[in-house]
N, C-alpha and C. Protein backbone atom coordinates (compact mmCIF):
# COMPACT_ATOMS: atom_id res chain seq x y z
N MET A 1 -26.73 -15.87 -22.47
CA MET A 1 -26.45 -14.79 -22.32
C MET A 1 -25.33 -16.13 -21.22
N MET A 2 -25.23 -17.14 -20.71
CA MET A 2 -24.49 -17.81 -20.43
C MET A 2 -23.36 -18.51 -20.47
N GLU A 3 -24.55 -18.61 -21.80
CA GLU A 3 -23.79 -19.39 -22.61
C GLU A 3 -22.23 -18.32 -23.14
N ASN A 4 -23.50 -17.11 -23.55
CA ASN A 4 -21.89 -16.01 -24.32
C ASN A 4 -20.78 -15.70 -22.46
N GLN A 5 -20.80 -15.64 -21.65
CA GLN A 5 -20.35 -16.04 -20.65
C GLN A 5 -19.09 -17.56 -20.06
N GLN A 6 -19.51 -18.49 -21.02
CA GLN A 6 -19.18 -19.56 -20.90
C GLN A 6 -17.86 -19.67 -22.48
N LEU A 7 -17.76 -18.73 -23.20
CA LEU A 7 -17.09 -18.88 -24.29
C LEU A 7 -16.12 -17.51 -24.18
N ILE A 8 -16.59 -16.64 -23.63
CA ILE A 8 -15.34 -15.72 -22.85
C ILE A 8 -14.23 -16.54 -22.11
N SER A 9 -14.89 -16.77 -20.95
CA SER A 9 -14.28 -17.57 -20.45
C SER A 9 -13.17 -19.21 -21.13
N GLU A 10 -13.79 -19.48 -21.70
CA GLU A 10 -13.08 -20.06 -22.36
C GLU A 10 -11.68 -19.35 -23.36
N ALA A 11 -12.37 -18.69 -24.08
CA ALA A 11 -11.56 -18.02 -24.33
C ALA A 11 -10.34 -17.64 -23.78
N LEU A 12 -10.65 -16.73 -22.86
CA LEU A 12 -9.27 -16.73 -22.22
C LEU A 12 -8.51 -17.79 -21.66
N GLN A 13 -9.36 -18.33 -20.81
CA GLN A 13 -8.49 -19.23 -20.69
C GLN A 13 -7.33 -19.88 -21.32
N ASP A 14 -7.61 -20.04 -22.99
CA ASP A 14 -7.03 -20.96 -24.10
C ASP A 14 -5.44 -19.92 -24.30
N ARG A 15 -6.71 -18.20 -23.76
CA ARG A 15 -5.22 -16.99 -23.74
C ARG A 15 -5.51 -16.66 -25.44
N GLN A 16 -7.28 -16.27 -26.07
CA GLN A 16 -6.66 -15.21 -27.31
C GLN A 16 -6.86 -13.94 -27.11
N GLU A 17 -6.02 -13.53 -27.42
CA GLU A 17 -6.08 -12.31 -27.38
C GLU A 17 -6.58 -11.70 -28.62
N LYS A 18 -7.51 -11.63 -29.30
CA LYS A 18 -8.06 -11.11 -29.75
C LYS A 18 -9.54 -11.39 -28.40
N ILE A 19 -9.78 -12.49 -27.13
CA ILE A 19 -11.02 -11.82 -26.50
C ILE A 19 -10.98 -10.61 -25.95
N LEU A 20 -9.73 -10.27 -25.04
CA LEU A 20 -9.41 -9.62 -24.61
C LEU A 20 -9.52 -8.67 -25.19
N GLU A 21 -9.57 -8.13 -25.95
CA GLU A 21 -9.34 -6.60 -27.25
C GLU A 21 -10.78 -6.58 -26.74
N LYS A 22 -12.01 -7.49 -27.31
CA LYS A 22 -13.09 -7.21 -27.23
C LYS A 22 -13.50 -7.04 -26.77
N LEU A 23 -13.21 -7.52 -25.14
CA LEU A 23 -14.09 -6.57 -23.72
C LEU A 23 -12.88 -5.80 -23.87
N TYR A 24 -11.62 -4.79 -23.72
CA TYR A 24 -11.11 -3.83 -23.54
C TYR A 24 -12.47 -2.75 -24.34
N SER A 25 -12.57 -3.23 -25.25
CA SER A 25 -13.58 -2.30 -26.47
C SER A 25 -14.63 -2.32 -25.28
N ALA A 26 -15.46 -3.11 -25.19
CA ALA A 26 -16.53 -3.19 -24.94
C ALA A 26 -16.70 -2.15 -23.27
N TYR A 27 -16.06 -2.20 -22.81
CA TYR A 27 -15.87 -2.26 -21.38
C TYR A 27 -14.88 -1.72 -20.95
N TRP A 28 -14.04 -0.76 -21.68
CA TRP A 28 -12.61 -0.21 -21.30
C TRP A 28 -13.76 1.54 -20.21
N LYS A 29 -14.91 2.43 -21.33
CA LYS A 29 -14.77 3.41 -21.23
C LYS A 29 -15.61 3.96 -19.96
N ARG A 30 -16.29 1.96 -19.11
CA ARG A 30 -17.86 2.30 -18.48
C ARG A 30 -16.87 2.21 -17.18
N LEU A 31 -15.81 1.65 -17.42
CA LEU A 31 -15.02 0.82 -15.97
C LEU A 31 -14.00 1.78 -15.83
N TYR A 32 -14.00 2.89 -16.25
CA TYR A 32 -13.51 4.25 -16.22
C TYR A 32 -13.52 4.97 -15.86
N ILE A 33 -15.27 5.85 -15.97
CA ILE A 33 -16.46 6.42 -15.15
C ILE A 33 -16.46 5.88 -14.30
N TYR A 34 -16.67 5.15 -13.75
CA TYR A 34 -16.60 3.92 -12.19
C TYR A 34 -15.86 4.44 -12.19
N ALA A 35 -13.64 4.01 -12.31
CA ALA A 35 -12.76 4.42 -10.76
C ALA A 35 -12.59 6.10 -10.63
N PHE A 36 -12.96 6.70 -11.33
CA PHE A 36 -13.32 8.04 -11.55
C PHE A 36 -13.80 8.89 -9.87
N SER A 37 -15.09 7.63 -10.87
CA SER A 37 -16.63 7.72 -9.54
C SER A 37 -15.15 8.37 -8.19
N PHE A 38 -14.83 6.89 -7.92
CA PHE A 38 -14.04 7.27 -6.60
C PHE A 38 -13.10 7.85 -6.59
N THR A 39 -11.40 7.98 -7.30
CA THR A 39 -11.01 8.25 -7.51
C THR A 39 -11.10 10.39 -7.69
N GLU A 40 -11.56 10.27 -8.81
CA GLU A 40 -11.66 11.57 -9.30
C GLU A 40 -10.39 11.77 -9.62
N ASP A 41 -9.40 11.44 -10.32
CA ASP A 41 -7.77 11.97 -11.05
C ASP A 41 -7.65 10.85 -12.27
N ASP A 42 -7.89 11.73 -13.75
CA ASP A 42 -8.20 10.79 -14.86
C ASP A 42 -6.89 9.43 -15.14
N GLN A 43 -5.49 9.85 -14.26
CA GLN A 43 -4.61 8.75 -15.02
C GLN A 43 -4.53 7.75 -13.81
N VAL A 44 -5.20 8.21 -12.72
CA VAL A 44 -5.48 6.68 -12.01
C VAL A 44 -6.85 6.32 -12.41
N ALA A 45 -7.30 6.98 -12.28
CA ALA A 45 -7.93 6.24 -13.52
C ALA A 45 -8.09 5.16 -13.87
N GLN A 46 -7.81 5.50 -15.07
CA GLN A 46 -7.20 5.08 -16.70
C GLN A 46 -6.00 3.93 -16.02
N ASP A 47 -4.73 4.40 -15.01
CA ASP A 47 -3.94 2.63 -14.30
C ASP A 47 -4.33 1.93 -13.77
N LEU A 48 -5.53 1.71 -13.13
CA LEU A 48 -7.38 1.56 -12.74
C LEU A 48 -7.50 -0.07 -13.45
N VAL A 49 -8.19 1.31 -14.77
CA VAL A 49 -8.42 0.20 -15.63
C VAL A 49 -8.22 -0.08 -16.69
N GLN A 50 -6.51 -0.41 -16.28
CA GLN A 50 -5.76 -0.69 -16.98
C GLN A 50 -5.22 -2.53 -16.49
N GLU A 51 -5.07 -2.27 -14.56
CA GLU A 51 -4.18 -3.36 -13.72
C GLU A 51 -5.59 -4.57 -13.94
N ILE A 52 -7.63 -4.09 -14.25
CA ILE A 52 -8.24 -4.74 -14.08
C ILE A 52 -7.77 -5.81 -15.37
N PHE A 53 -7.24 -4.92 -16.09
CA PHE A 53 -7.52 -6.29 -17.38
C PHE A 53 -6.76 -7.14 -17.65
N ILE A 54 -5.37 -6.68 -16.72
CA ILE A 54 -4.21 -7.57 -16.95
C ILE A 54 -4.07 -8.31 -16.19
N SER A 55 -4.95 -7.91 -15.13
CA SER A 55 -5.68 -8.41 -13.28
C SER A 55 -6.26 -10.43 -14.46
N LEU A 56 -7.33 -9.26 -15.51
CA LEU A 56 -7.72 -10.77 -16.12
C LEU A 56 -7.84 -11.11 -17.47
N TRP A 57 -6.15 -11.33 -17.29
CA TRP A 57 -5.27 -11.47 -17.93
C TRP A 57 -4.97 -12.97 -17.52
N GLU A 58 -3.44 -12.50 -16.14
CA GLU A 58 -3.41 -13.42 -15.11
C GLU A 58 -3.57 -13.98 -14.92
N LYS A 59 -5.13 -13.97 -14.68
CA LYS A 59 -5.56 -15.08 -13.95
C LYS A 59 -6.00 -15.98 -15.29
N SER A 60 -7.28 -15.65 -15.81
CA SER A 60 -7.68 -16.03 -16.99
C SER A 60 -7.20 -18.01 -17.12
N GLU A 61 -6.13 -17.67 -17.44
CA GLU A 61 -6.02 -19.42 -17.66
C GLU A 61 -5.68 -20.14 -16.19
N THR A 62 -6.05 -20.02 -15.39
CA THR A 62 -6.06 -21.27 -14.30
C THR A 62 -7.70 -20.51 -13.62
N THR A 63 -8.02 -19.80 -13.70
CA THR A 63 -9.46 -19.32 -13.08
C THR A 63 -10.70 -19.13 -14.23
N GLN A 64 -12.11 -20.46 -13.82
CA GLN A 64 -12.66 -19.58 -14.65
C GLN A 64 -13.62 -18.22 -13.90
N ILE A 65 -13.86 -17.46 -15.26
CA ILE A 65 -14.52 -15.99 -14.68
C ILE A 65 -15.98 -16.27 -15.06
N LYS A 66 -17.13 -16.23 -13.71
CA LYS A 66 -18.82 -17.36 -15.21
C LYS A 66 -18.21 -15.39 -14.79
N HIS A 67 -19.16 -14.51 -14.63
CA HIS A 67 -19.36 -13.64 -15.66
C HIS A 67 -18.13 -12.01 -15.58
N ILE A 68 -17.53 -12.34 -16.27
CA ILE A 68 -16.55 -10.73 -17.25
C ILE A 68 -17.44 -9.98 -16.45
N GLU A 69 -18.31 -8.97 -16.41
CA GLU A 69 -18.63 -7.61 -15.78
C GLU A 69 -18.32 -7.58 -14.92
N ALA A 70 -19.51 -8.27 -13.53
CA ALA A 70 -19.26 -8.25 -12.47
C ALA A 70 -17.98 -8.40 -11.96
N TYR A 71 -17.48 -9.43 -12.69
CA TYR A 71 -15.65 -9.48 -11.52
C TYR A 71 -14.32 -8.45 -12.89
N LEU A 72 -14.80 -6.96 -12.94
CA LEU A 72 -14.74 -6.00 -13.61
C LEU A 72 -14.50 -5.00 -13.27
N PHE A 73 -16.49 -4.62 -12.87
CA PHE A 73 -16.70 -4.42 -11.64
C PHE A 73 -16.18 -3.82 -10.50
N ARG A 74 -16.13 -5.23 -10.34
CA ARG A 74 -15.74 -5.68 -8.57
C ARG A 74 -14.06 -5.13 -8.38
N GLY A 75 -13.19 -5.63 -9.50
CA GLY A 75 -11.71 -5.23 -9.30
C GLY A 75 -12.04 -3.67 -9.59
N VAL A 76 -11.89 -3.23 -10.15
CA VAL A 76 -11.53 -2.06 -9.90
C VAL A 76 -12.52 -1.26 -8.67
N LYS A 77 -13.70 -1.35 -7.76
CA LYS A 77 -13.83 -1.04 -6.63
C LYS A 77 -13.02 -1.86 -6.28
N TYR A 78 -12.56 -2.61 -6.02
CA TYR A 78 -12.14 -2.92 -4.91
C TYR A 78 -10.76 -1.83 -4.61
N GLN A 79 -9.85 -2.07 -6.18
CA GLN A 79 -8.16 -1.12 -6.92
C GLN A 79 -9.08 -0.41 -6.06
N ALA A 80 -9.58 0.89 -6.30
CA ALA A 80 -9.79 2.16 -6.35
C ALA A 80 -10.13 2.31 -4.56
N ILE A 81 -11.03 1.40 -3.91
CA ILE A 81 -11.02 1.92 -2.78
C ILE A 81 -9.35 1.34 -2.12
N ASN A 82 -8.73 -0.05 -2.45
CA ASN A 82 -7.34 0.10 -1.73
C ASN A 82 -6.84 1.79 -2.55
N TYR A 83 -6.46 2.80 -3.04
CA TYR A 83 -5.66 3.26 -4.01
C TYR A 83 -6.22 3.41 -3.11
N LEU A 84 -7.90 4.81 -2.31
CA LEU A 84 -7.67 5.46 -1.48
C LEU A 84 -7.41 5.44 0.48
N LYS A 85 -7.20 4.13 0.27
CA LYS A 85 -6.33 4.51 2.04
C LYS A 85 -5.23 3.92 1.34
N LYS A 86 -4.04 4.17 0.62
CA LYS A 86 -3.10 3.89 0.23
C LYS A 86 -3.13 5.54 0.86
N GLN A 87 -3.78 6.52 -0.36
CA GLN A 87 -3.73 7.92 -0.46
C GLN A 87 -3.68 8.34 1.07
N GLN A 88 -5.41 7.75 1.91
CA GLN A 88 -4.92 8.56 3.22
C GLN A 88 -3.87 7.83 4.11
N ARG A 89 -4.01 6.96 4.19
CA ARG A 89 -1.56 6.37 5.40
C ARG A 89 -1.21 7.62 4.68
N ARG A 90 -0.84 7.77 2.92
CA ARG A 90 0.13 8.59 3.16
C ARG A 90 0.53 10.23 3.18
N VAL A 91 -1.20 10.56 3.12
CA VAL A 91 -1.80 11.52 3.96
C VAL A 91 -0.89 12.08 5.54
N SER A 92 -1.94 11.07 5.47
CA SER A 92 -2.12 11.26 7.58
C SER A 92 -0.70 11.01 7.70
N ALA A 93 -0.11 10.26 7.74
CA ALA A 93 2.12 10.57 8.13
C ALA A 93 2.79 11.23 7.38
N GLU A 94 2.67 12.08 6.24
CA GLU A 94 3.05 14.20 5.90
C GLU A 94 2.36 14.56 6.87
N GLU A 95 1.47 14.39 7.09
CA GLU A 95 0.32 15.93 8.05
C GLU A 95 1.78 14.66 10.09
N TYR A 96 1.08 14.59 9.77
CA TYR A 96 1.93 14.21 11.27
C TYR A 96 4.00 14.01 10.87
N LEU A 97 4.59 14.17 10.02
CA LEU A 97 6.24 14.69 9.86
C LEU A 97 5.95 16.23 10.29
N GLU A 98 4.92 17.21 9.63
CA GLU A 98 4.86 17.93 9.44
C GLU A 98 5.06 18.53 10.42
N THR A 99 3.98 18.58 11.78
CA THR A 99 3.68 18.50 13.15
C THR A 99 5.39 18.15 13.65
N LEU A 100 5.16 17.11 13.36
CA LEU A 100 7.33 17.05 14.10
C LEU A 100 7.56 17.98 13.95
N GLY A 101 7.73 19.25 13.26
CA GLY A 101 9.03 19.72 11.43
C GLY A 101 9.36 20.76 13.12
N TYR A 102 9.71 21.62 11.53
CA TYR A 102 11.23 23.41 11.33
C TYR A 102 9.75 24.35 11.49
N LYS A 103 8.84 24.29 11.62
CA LYS A 103 8.50 25.77 11.39
C LYS A 103 8.36 26.70 12.80
N ASN A 104 9.80 26.73 13.31
CA ASN A 104 10.14 27.12 15.26
C ASN A 104 10.86 27.40 14.23
N GLY A 105 11.23 27.96 13.18
CA GLY A 105 13.40 27.75 12.94
C GLY A 105 13.77 27.39 12.69
N VAL A 106 15.14 27.08 12.52
CA VAL A 106 16.13 26.65 11.59
C VAL A 106 16.75 26.04 12.39
N LYS A 107 17.45 26.62 13.83
CA LYS A 107 17.84 24.58 15.49
C LYS A 107 16.47 23.73 14.73
N GLU A 108 15.12 24.42 14.97
CA GLU A 108 14.21 22.98 15.29
C GLU A 108 14.32 22.50 14.25
N HIS A 109 14.16 23.13 12.63
CA HIS A 109 14.68 22.33 12.06
C HIS A 109 15.50 21.78 11.81
N MET A 110 17.01 21.91 12.48
CA MET A 110 18.78 21.18 12.29
C MET A 110 18.96 20.56 13.02
N ASP A 111 17.75 19.85 14.19
CA ASP A 111 17.36 18.66 15.18
C ASP A 111 16.64 17.96 14.63
N TYR A 112 15.27 18.88 14.06
CA TYR A 112 14.35 17.57 13.53
C TYR A 112 14.49 16.32 12.28
N LEU A 113 15.94 17.49 11.56
CA LEU A 113 17.63 16.27 11.07
C LEU A 113 18.28 15.31 11.51
N GLU A 114 18.29 16.11 12.11
CA GLU A 114 19.72 14.62 13.22
C GLU A 114 18.12 13.91 13.12
N SER A 115 17.42 14.23 13.98
CA SER A 115 16.83 13.11 14.87
C SER A 115 15.87 11.72 13.50
N ARG A 116 16.17 12.23 12.37
CA ARG A 116 15.07 12.07 11.39
C ARG A 116 16.59 11.28 10.94
N GLU A 117 17.55 11.22 10.93
CA GLU A 117 18.89 9.88 10.51
C GLU A 117 18.78 9.13 11.37
N LEU A 118 18.85 9.97 12.51
CA LEU A 118 19.50 8.44 13.86
C LEU A 118 17.60 7.42 13.41
N PHE A 119 16.36 8.34 13.97
CA PHE A 119 15.41 7.18 14.03
C PHE A 119 15.94 6.52 12.41
N ILE A 120 16.19 7.07 11.06
CA ILE A 120 16.42 6.45 9.90
C ILE A 120 17.93 4.96 10.09
N LYS A 121 18.62 5.58 10.97
CA LYS A 121 19.66 4.12 10.66
C LYS A 121 19.41 3.44 12.32
N ILE A 122 18.31 3.69 13.08
CA ILE A 122 18.29 2.39 13.92
C ILE A 122 16.75 1.87 13.33
N MET A 123 16.07 2.20 12.69
CA MET A 123 15.34 0.97 11.67
C MET A 123 15.86 0.53 11.16
N ASP A 124 16.64 1.45 9.91
CA ASP A 124 17.72 -0.08 9.14
C ASP A 124 18.38 -1.15 10.62
N LYS A 125 18.97 -1.06 11.32
CA LYS A 125 19.64 -2.22 11.67
C LYS A 125 18.66 -3.31 12.92
N LEU A 126 17.68 -2.72 11.98
CA LEU A 126 15.83 -4.03 13.16
C LEU A 126 16.59 -5.09 11.77
N PRO A 127 15.73 -6.11 12.07
CA PRO A 127 15.66 -7.74 10.74
C PRO A 127 14.11 -6.75 9.66
N LYS A 128 15.06 -7.19 9.10
CA LYS A 128 14.25 -6.94 7.63
C LYS A 128 12.37 -7.50 8.15
N ARG A 129 12.18 -8.33 8.86
CA ARG A 129 10.38 -8.06 8.60
C ARG A 129 9.78 -7.42 10.14
N CYS A 130 10.63 -7.25 11.02
CA CYS A 130 10.43 -6.15 11.87
C CYS A 130 10.46 -5.00 11.50
N ARG A 131 10.44 -4.42 10.83
CA ARG A 131 11.34 -2.90 9.85
C ARG A 131 10.41 -2.73 9.61
N ARG A 132 9.58 -3.59 9.14
CA ARG A 132 8.82 -3.77 7.53
C ARG A 132 6.97 -2.94 8.34
N VAL A 133 6.61 -4.42 10.15
CA VAL A 133 5.85 -3.98 10.81
C VAL A 133 6.33 -3.27 11.09
N PHE A 134 7.53 -2.34 12.24
CA PHE A 134 7.22 -0.71 12.20
C PHE A 134 7.02 0.55 10.95
N TYR A 135 7.94 -0.04 10.05
CA TYR A 135 7.26 0.58 9.16
C TYR A 135 5.86 1.35 8.92
N LEU A 136 5.18 -0.10 8.89
CA LEU A 136 3.98 0.57 8.43
C LEU A 136 3.20 1.01 9.27
N SER A 137 3.57 -0.19 9.67
CA SER A 137 2.65 0.63 11.83
C SER A 137 2.70 2.13 12.23
N ARG A 138 4.09 2.59 12.16
CA ARG A 138 4.51 3.83 12.86
C ARG A 138 4.67 5.19 11.57
N VAL A 139 5.54 4.64 10.52
CA VAL A 139 5.12 5.22 9.51
C VAL A 139 3.98 6.07 8.16
N GLN A 140 3.30 4.91 7.84
CA GLN A 140 2.36 4.66 7.29
C GLN A 140 1.16 4.60 7.80
N GLY A 141 1.15 4.36 9.57
CA GLY A 141 -0.41 4.02 9.93
C GLY A 141 -1.70 3.07 9.77
N TYR A 142 -0.61 2.69 9.31
CA TYR A 142 -1.60 0.73 9.48
C TYR A 142 -1.87 0.30 11.27
N ASN A 143 -2.90 -0.44 10.90
CA ASN A 143 -3.16 -0.63 12.25
C ASN A 143 -2.38 -1.87 11.68
N ASN A 144 -2.52 -2.62 13.13
CA ASN A 144 -1.99 -4.31 13.12
C ASN A 144 -2.77 -5.79 12.95
N LYS A 145 -4.28 -5.17 12.21
CA LYS A 145 -4.40 -6.17 11.43
C LYS A 145 -4.72 -5.97 9.96
N ASP A 146 -4.24 -5.18 9.82
CA ASP A 146 -4.29 -4.46 8.53
C ASP A 146 -2.48 -5.77 7.80
N ILE A 147 -2.40 -4.71 9.13
CA ILE A 147 -0.63 -5.36 8.88
C ILE A 147 -0.15 -6.33 8.65
N ALA A 148 -1.46 -7.76 9.62
CA ALA A 148 -0.95 -8.56 9.67
C ALA A 148 -1.75 -9.62 7.61
N LEU A 149 -2.82 -8.42 8.08
CA LEU A 149 -3.99 -8.88 6.41
C LEU A 149 -2.27 -9.09 5.72
N GLU A 150 -1.88 -7.36 5.55
CA GLU A 150 -0.76 -7.77 4.35
C GLU A 150 0.78 -8.05 3.78
N MET A 151 1.13 -9.02 5.18
CA MET A 151 2.21 -9.66 5.24
C MET A 151 2.23 -10.76 5.41
N ASP A 152 0.45 -11.47 6.11
CA ASP A 152 0.45 -12.58 5.86
C ASP A 152 1.25 -13.16 7.31
N ILE A 153 0.45 -13.09 8.28
CA ILE A 153 0.98 -12.72 9.63
C ILE A 153 0.04 -12.25 10.69
N SER A 154 0.62 -12.83 11.58
CA SER A 154 -0.59 -13.03 12.51
C SER A 154 -0.92 -11.97 13.88
N ILE A 155 -2.05 -11.06 14.40
CA ILE A 155 -1.85 -9.52 14.55
C ILE A 155 -1.35 -10.03 16.09
N ARG A 156 -0.90 -11.36 16.21
CA ARG A 156 0.87 -11.58 17.50
C ARG A 156 1.95 -11.27 17.06
N THR A 157 2.38 -11.20 16.10
CA THR A 157 3.25 -11.98 15.36
C THR A 157 3.88 -10.27 14.96
N VAL A 158 2.48 -9.87 14.14
CA VAL A 158 3.14 -8.15 14.20
C VAL A 158 2.95 -7.37 15.69
N GLU A 159 2.08 -7.82 17.17
CA GLU A 159 2.80 -6.64 17.64
C GLU A 159 3.88 -7.16 17.94
N THR A 160 4.35 -8.66 18.37
CA THR A 160 5.78 -9.28 19.19
C THR A 160 6.89 -7.91 18.29
N HIS A 161 6.79 -8.19 16.76
CA HIS A 161 7.92 -6.46 15.83
C HIS A 161 7.72 -5.24 16.94
N ILE A 162 6.89 -5.25 16.43
CA ILE A 162 5.93 -3.36 16.70
C ILE A 162 6.84 -3.43 18.39
N SER A 163 7.04 -4.56 19.37
CA SER A 163 6.88 -4.42 20.41
C SER A 163 8.86 -4.42 20.64
N ASN A 164 9.81 -5.20 19.69
CA ASN A 164 10.75 -5.62 19.76
C ASN A 164 11.88 -3.86 18.65
N ALA A 165 10.60 -3.51 17.71
CA ALA A 165 11.64 -2.79 17.19
C ALA A 165 10.86 -1.81 18.59
N LEU A 166 9.99 -1.11 19.58
CA LEU A 166 10.56 -0.89 20.26
C LEU A 166 11.25 -0.25 21.40
N ASN A 167 11.17 -1.24 21.29
CA ASN A 167 12.93 -1.97 23.04
C ASN A 167 13.88 -1.29 22.18
N HIS A 168 14.11 -1.90 20.96
CA HIS A 168 15.14 -1.29 20.09
C HIS A 168 16.21 0.08 20.32
N PHE A 169 14.53 0.97 19.96
CA PHE A 169 14.37 1.96 19.68
C PHE A 169 14.99 2.99 21.05
N ARG A 170 13.89 2.16 21.88
CA ARG A 170 14.39 3.22 23.31
C ARG A 170 16.19 2.83 23.82
N LEU A 171 16.51 1.17 23.68
CA LEU A 171 17.98 1.22 23.53
C LEU A 171 18.64 1.79 23.55
N HIS A 172 18.93 1.84 21.83
CA HIS A 172 19.39 3.04 20.82
C HIS A 172 19.36 4.44 21.55
N PHE A 173 17.97 5.36 21.63
CA PHE A 173 18.14 6.80 21.77
C PHE A 173 18.95 6.73 23.70
N LYS A 174 18.98 5.96 23.65
CA LYS A 174 18.72 5.78 25.16
C LYS A 174 20.40 6.25 25.60
N ASP A 175 21.45 5.21 23.97
CA ASP A 175 22.49 5.32 24.26
C ASP A 175 22.96 6.32 23.97
N CYS A 176 22.00 6.96 22.77
CA CYS A 176 21.90 8.62 22.27
C CYS A 176 22.23 9.92 22.96
N LEU A 177 20.87 9.45 23.74
CA LEU A 177 20.99 10.92 25.10
C LEU A 177 21.85 10.64 26.77
N LEU A 178 23.13 9.52 26.36
CA LEU A 178 24.05 9.45 27.30
C LEU A 178 25.15 9.89 26.50
N MET A 179 25.57 9.67 25.51
CA MET A 179 26.43 10.12 24.53
C MET A 179 26.80 12.03 24.36
N VAL A 180 25.39 11.97 24.48
CA VAL A 180 24.84 14.04 24.21
C VAL A 180 24.88 14.65 25.86
N LEU A 181 24.61 13.77 27.25
CA LEU A 181 24.88 14.62 27.89
C LEU A 181 26.36 13.72 29.04
N LEU A 182 27.23 12.99 28.49
CA LEU A 182 28.93 13.05 28.08
C LEU A 182 29.52 14.84 27.57
N ILE A 183 29.08 14.88 26.74
CA ILE A 183 29.59 15.77 25.65
C ILE A 183 29.39 17.16 26.43
N LEU A 184 28.32 17.07 26.51
CA LEU A 184 27.43 18.18 27.27
C LEU A 184 28.03 18.59 28.93
N SER A 185 28.80 17.82 29.95
CA SER A 185 29.10 17.16 30.54
C SER A 185 30.72 18.26 30.69
């Protein structure tokens, strides 16, 4: 068994496409069923399996993979978990935006749209990294630790970016509020 694993790993490192095709044929269906058990979505499950084979091919030249089957199944599992986390964040952000919204009539809907447009304009003025941190935190619902991991920065840096962004928003919304008060008076 170990000899077969070694031969497979060496064939992958030598970029032999035939071995990838054989692995695909041997594992595709089982990996698809495994991915589907997490996602319950046919297309997503297919995509996850496809991605793990792409990852295998890309990493095979530089990495010796000792247990191909374990690598494939573990990869599908982690990709499925990441997909589900992203879906949950997206749903949470959409639910939050709906609660801000436009259920009380046209005026409220227009106010919401104007506020949203102003929010986007102010956010666009933030420095790129600060904007990304703020977006992940406040729109996508990531916690500071997840943002730090995704962006490869410290949690303290994440906190600083969020604080700077909030100060930026306070300053700009205060200016807008003053303009509205001047116009109304």
